[in-house]
Structures are given as C-alpha cells and as structure tokens.
Amino acid sequence: MMRAVACLLVLCVLAPSTRADEDGESLVDRGVVRVRSRIEPDSAYVGQKTTFSFDLMTSSFFQGAPTWRIPDVGGAIVRQESQFAVNGSDVVDGETFAMQTWTIAIYPQRAGTVEIPSIAVTMQVAQDGKPIPVRAVVPGATLVTRLPEGAQPGVIAASALEAESRIDGETGACLLYTSPS
C-alpha cells in the first residue's frame, strides 16, 4: 500500500514538469493551438474585393502579438485590412478558445485561378504560466475569378467612374482622364 502511494506521489510530481517542457509543436498537435482560414467570396469578378481571414486560437491565452507576413499573391493586389486583430472567443467541440482574427483584402487583377499561399505565423501562448513559442501555418485558399459577362480583357470594374477626353492637335490622339468618384 505504501509503495502504491509513493508511486502516485512520484507521478504527481513528474506530470507537471513534463507538461512544462512542452514545445509549440506539441501544443498544435494536441489542439491547444489551432488555426483556420476562409475566403469570402471564393469566386469573384476581376477587381472585386474578396476577404481572406484567418483565426489564431488557443485554449490557453496569448502572450503578445503574433508575427506573420502578408503573402505575395500572383495576379492580385493584397492589402492588410487592419494593423490589429479582432479579439474574441469561440467554442469548438465544447472547448472555449481565445481567438485573434486577422483580415487581408484581395483584389484579383486577372481572370482565372488565384492561389493564396499558406502563411507562417509565430506566436506565444501561455502554458502552465510560462510563455511557449508556437509556429503554426495558416492554410492557403483558392479564388476563382472571371470577367463580367460581355467584358473584354482590360475592363475596369467600378461602381462609379468619370471619364473625360479631348483631341490633342492634328494627330488625333485621344487622351483619357479619369477621376475617382
């Protein structure tokens, strides 16, 4: 009986130290840190704004801001919507997660398929009162783009546009001036 109690005490003492030695990869593997992404809408006209968002989630809490780079997306203009995340929480499979949502605007410049690559993220989360560095990967996405019906390549997609033209000299060259509305 004493031997069983002694074994239980040893296990109780060793269990927290094993967890304190945990690294970021094991936190991702165990689901303590999760990442998800989405693109809305997943098909768009050339020039139409789409939004790529990703959630960094932990069942613990964040310790500081994550670092990541805006992806280079061929065939699109990419712009970070805000310098700050939207903080919140979500319940997944009955477990509550602290969450940071980051948003990137994507403006496709050509018809076809636009690939948004995965994004490497580095963050710190608390585990047993200590900051643990975590490296995670945000899944990429695919955006299908098309020209509006009847449009030709080089079309300008806009909700409002003012145009003005004039003939310059005898050459008959036409200059086009535009101004945003």
Protein backbone atom coordinates (compact mmCIF):
# COMPACT_ATOMS: atom_id res chain seq x y z
CA MET A 1 0.00 0.00 0.00
CA MET A 2 2.79 2.43 0.91
CA ARG A 3 4.54 1.55 -2.33
CA ALA A 4 1.39 2.45 -4.34
CA VAL A 5 1.05 5.80 -2.54
CA ALA A 6 4.74 6.54 -3.17
CA CYS A 7 4.32 5.76 -6.90
CA LEU A 8 1.29 8.08 -7.09
CA LEU A 9 3.25 10.88 -5.41
CA VAL A 10 6.14 10.46 -7.85
CA LEU A 11 3.73 10.57 -10.80
CA CYS A 12 2.07 13.72 -9.44
CA VAL A 13 5.43 15.42 -9.07
CA LEU A 14 6.67 14.38 -12.55
CA ALA A 15 3.47 15.15 -14.51
CA PRO A 16 3.64 18.96 -14.24
CA SER A 17 7.34 19.05 -15.19
CA THR A 18 6.64 17.01 -18.32
CA ARG A 19 3.97 19.48 -19.37
CA ALA A 20 6.18 22.50 -18.58
CA ASP A 21 8.76 21.12 -21.01
CA GLU A 22 6.15 21.11 -23.77
CA ASP A 23 7.02 22.85 -27.02
CA GLY A 24 4.88 24.74 -29.51
CA GLU A 25 4.65 21.81 -31.91
CA SER A 26 3.08 19.59 -29.27
CA LEU A 27 0.55 22.34 -28.45
CA VAL A 28 -0.53 22.35 -32.09
CA ASP A 29 -0.57 18.54 -32.21
CA ARG A 30 -2.77 18.36 -29.08
CA GLY A 31 -5.16 21.05 -30.37
CA VAL A 32 -4.28 23.60 -27.66
CA VAL A 33 -3.37 25.93 -30.56
CA ARG A 34 -5.50 25.87 -33.72
CA VAL A 35 -5.55 27.84 -36.95
CA ARG A 36 -8.31 28.14 -39.53
CA SER A 37 -8.82 30.30 -42.61
CA ARG A 38 -11.52 31.27 -45.08
CA ILE A 39 -12.02 33.37 -48.20
CA GLU A 40 -15.27 35.22 -48.84
CA PRO A 41 -16.48 35.04 -51.53
CA ASP A 42 -14.48 32.20 -53.08
CA SER A 43 -15.30 33.37 -56.61
CA ALA A 44 -15.27 36.98 -57.77
CA TYR A 45 -15.05 39.34 -60.72
CA VAL A 46 -11.70 40.80 -61.71
CA GLY A 47 -11.18 43.86 -59.49
CA GLN A 48 -13.80 42.81 -56.93
CA LYS A 49 -12.63 42.85 -53.32
CA THR A 50 -12.53 39.49 -51.58
CA THR A 51 -11.55 38.91 -47.97
CA PHE A 52 -9.09 36.29 -46.75
CA SER A 53 -9.38 35.90 -42.97
CA PHE A 54 -7.64 33.63 -40.53
CA ASP A 55 -8.18 32.80 -36.87
CA LEU A 56 -5.38 32.05 -34.42
CA MET A 57 -6.89 30.14 -31.49
CA THR A 58 -5.70 28.78 -28.16
CA SER A 59 -7.46 27.09 -25.27
CA SER A 60 -4.95 28.91 -23.05
CA PHE A 61 -4.23 32.60 -23.72
CA PHE A 62 -1.95 34.62 -25.97
CA GLN A 63 1.14 36.31 -24.64
CA GLY A 64 1.86 39.13 -27.06
CA ALA A 65 1.12 39.77 -30.71
CA PRO A 66 1.86 37.15 -33.36
CA THR A 67 4.19 37.84 -36.27
CA TRP A 68 3.42 36.98 -39.89
CA ARG A 69 3.96 38.41 -43.37
CA ILE A 70 1.38 39.47 -45.92
CA PRO A 71 1.55 36.81 -48.64
CA ASP A 72 2.64 37.54 -52.19
CA VAL A 73 -0.36 36.60 -54.33
CA GLY A 74 0.33 36.41 -58.07
CA GLY A 75 -2.33 38.13 -60.16
CA ALA A 76 -3.80 40.13 -57.26
CA ILE A 77 -3.30 43.23 -55.17
CA VAL A 78 -3.10 42.33 -51.48
CA ARG A 79 -3.66 44.71 -48.57
CA GLN A 80 -3.84 44.09 -44.82
CA GLU A 81 -7.19 45.40 -43.61
CA SER A 82 -6.02 46.46 -40.14
CA GLN A 83 -2.79 46.59 -38.16
CA PHE A 84 -4.61 44.90 -35.30
CA ALA A 85 -6.55 41.67 -34.90
CA VAL A 86 -10.14 41.39 -33.81
CA ASN A 87 -10.01 39.60 -30.46
CA GLY A 88 -12.76 37.23 -29.43
CA SER A 89 -13.53 33.69 -28.40
CA ASP A 90 -15.15 30.64 -29.92
CA VAL A 91 -16.36 27.28 -28.66
CA VAL A 92 -15.09 24.33 -30.70
CA ASP A 93 -16.08 20.78 -29.77
CA GLY A 94 -17.26 22.04 -26.37
CA GLU A 95 -13.93 23.76 -25.58
CA THR A 96 -13.54 27.56 -25.32
CA PHE A 97 -10.72 29.19 -27.29
CA ALA A 98 -9.27 32.70 -27.14
CA MET A 99 -9.13 33.91 -30.72
CA GLN A 100 -7.42 36.56 -32.86
CA THR A 101 -8.90 37.17 -36.33
CA TRP A 102 -6.71 38.79 -38.99
CA THR A 103 -8.08 40.01 -42.34
CA ILE A 104 -6.43 40.58 -45.72
CA ALA A 105 -8.17 42.20 -48.72
CA ILE A 106 -7.51 40.51 -52.08
CA TYR A 107 -8.22 42.39 -55.35
CA PRO A 108 -7.79 39.96 -58.29
CA GLN A 109 -6.29 41.55 -61.41
CA ARG A 110 -6.85 38.74 -63.92
CA ALA A 111 -9.42 36.10 -64.75
CA GLY A 112 -8.67 32.51 -63.77
CA THR A 113 -7.47 30.91 -60.56
CA VAL A 114 -5.68 32.96 -57.92
CA GLU A 115 -3.82 30.97 -55.27
CA ILE A 116 -3.45 32.49 -51.79
CA PRO A 117 -0.43 30.70 -50.28
CA SER A 118 -0.21 29.43 -46.72
CA ILE A 119 1.13 31.90 -44.13
CA ALA A 120 3.70 31.03 -41.45
CA VAL A 121 2.79 32.53 -38.06
CA THR A 122 4.87 32.76 -34.90
CA MET A 123 3.10 33.44 -31.61
CA GLN A 124 3.44 32.83 -27.89
CA VAL A 125 0.80 31.20 -25.74
CA ALA A 126 0.78 30.57 -22.01
CA GLN A 127 1.16 27.03 -20.78
CA ASP A 128 1.45 26.36 -17.05
CA GLY A 129 2.16 30.06 -16.50
CA LYS A 130 5.06 30.17 -18.97
CA PRO A 131 5.20 31.60 -22.49
CA ILE A 132 5.65 28.91 -25.12
CA PRO A 133 6.68 29.97 -28.65
CA VAL A 134 4.47 28.37 -31.28
CA ARG A 135 4.95 28.20 -35.03
CA ALA A 136 1.82 27.45 -36.99
CA VAL A 137 0.75 27.52 -40.63
CA VAL A 138 -2.39 29.24 -41.88
CA PRO A 139 -3.92 27.18 -44.70
CA GLY A 140 -4.00 28.95 -48.07
CA ALA A 141 -7.03 29.25 -50.32
CA THR A 142 -8.05 29.30 -53.97
CA LEU A 143 -10.01 32.14 -55.52
CA VAL A 144 -11.74 31.70 -58.90
CA THR A 145 -12.03 34.96 -60.82
CA ARG A 146 -13.83 35.94 -64.02
CA LEU A 147 -14.62 38.98 -66.14
CA PRO A 148 -18.19 40.29 -66.09
CA GLU A 149 -20.37 38.88 -68.89
CA GLY A 150 -19.50 40.52 -72.21
CA ALA A 151 -16.43 42.28 -70.84
CA GLN A 152 -13.12 42.21 -72.65
CA PRO A 153 -9.67 41.94 -71.02
CA GLY A 154 -8.56 45.35 -69.76
CA VAL A 155 -12.02 46.20 -68.48
CA ILE A 156 -12.34 48.49 -65.47
CA ALA A 157 -14.72 47.15 -62.84
CA ALA A 158 -16.08 50.04 -60.75
CA SER A 159 -19.30 51.18 -59.12
CA ALA A 160 -18.73 54.75 -60.44
CA LEU A 161 -16.32 56.29 -62.94
CA GLU A 162 -15.97 59.73 -64.51
CA ALA A 163 -14.17 59.99 -67.83
CA GLU A 164 -13.18 62.95 -69.96
CA SER A 165 -11.46 63.01 -73.36
CA ARG A 166 -10.05 65.62 -75.75
CA ILE A 167 -8.42 65.68 -79.14
CA ASP A 168 -4.79 66.80 -78.95
CA GLY A 169 -3.54 68.58 -82.09
CA GLU A 170 -3.68 67.23 -85.63
CA THR A 171 -2.57 63.70 -84.75
CA GLY A 172 -5.98 62.84 -83.48
CA ALA A 173 -4.53 61.13 -80.39
CA CYS A 174 -7.17 60.78 -77.72
CA LEU A 175 -6.19 61.31 -74.12
CA LEU A 176 -8.38 59.84 -71.41
CA TYR A 177 -8.53 61.38 -67.96
CA THR A 178 -10.27 59.63 -65.10
CA SER A 179 -11.12 60.78 -61.64
CA PRO A 180 -12.44 58.66 -58.77
CA SER A 181 -15.98 59.44 -57.64
